[in-house]
Amino acid sequence: MVSDNQTAIHLLETYKNNLMDGNFEEANAAKSELKSIISTRTNAQAQDCIMFGILIRERKQFLESIAFFDAAAELCEKVDYPDEFLSKMERCVAGLKDTNELMAEQKPEWKAVIRTHSIPLMRDMLLIMRNKDATVAWKSLQVGYAVHYIHCSEALVSRTYYHEPELDHCITNARMQLVMSDDG
C-alpha cells in the first residue's frame, strides 16, 4: 500500500515536471491533489506550509516551494481571526515573491512559470484578501504589501514599468485609519 508521504512526493514531482514542460493544467491537477492530502490527512497549519516553503526554497526547490505557499494559502481559510488570516496570506504572497526573485535570478528560463503560474496565484490570493472582512487599517496594509509583491514579481518578467495605483490607495487608507484610531 502506498503511503500519503509517497503519494505526496509523487504528486510534487508530477507538479514540478508538468510546470517545467509547460503543462499547467496537469500541474494544477497534481497540486490540487497534493493540497487535498495536506489539508485533510495532516495536522499541518498555514504557518507550517509557509515555513516548509521557505526551507525548500533555500534548497533551490523553487517549483515545489510555489506549491507549498499555495497550500498554505488554502490552509489560511482555517484561521479564525480575520487579521491573522490576512497576515498569513500576506506571508504566502511574500513567499511567492521571494521565490520568483530567486527563480528569475538563478533559473531565468523559468520566467514563463513566474508569468503564467506564480503571478496568477498571487493575484488569486490578493482577491481573497480583498474580500475578507477585517480591521480596515490592517486590511489596507496587508493588501498594500500584497500589491507591492505582485508588482515586484511582474517587474521580473516585464520590461514595462507598471505603477499600481491601488498600492498608494492602500497605504494612504491604512495611514488614515491608524491616525483616526489614535485620536479616538
Foldseek 3Di string as FASTA:
>chain_A
DDDLVNLLVVLLVQLVVCLVVVVNVSNVVSLVVNLCCPVPVDPDALVNLLVVLVVVVVVVPLRSSLSSLLSSLVRLVVDDALLVSLVSLLSSLVSLLVSLVVCCVPPVVSLVCLVPPSLVSLVVSLVVLVPTDHQLLSSLVSSLSSVVSSQSSVVSNDPDRDDDVSNVVSNVRNVVSVVVVVVD
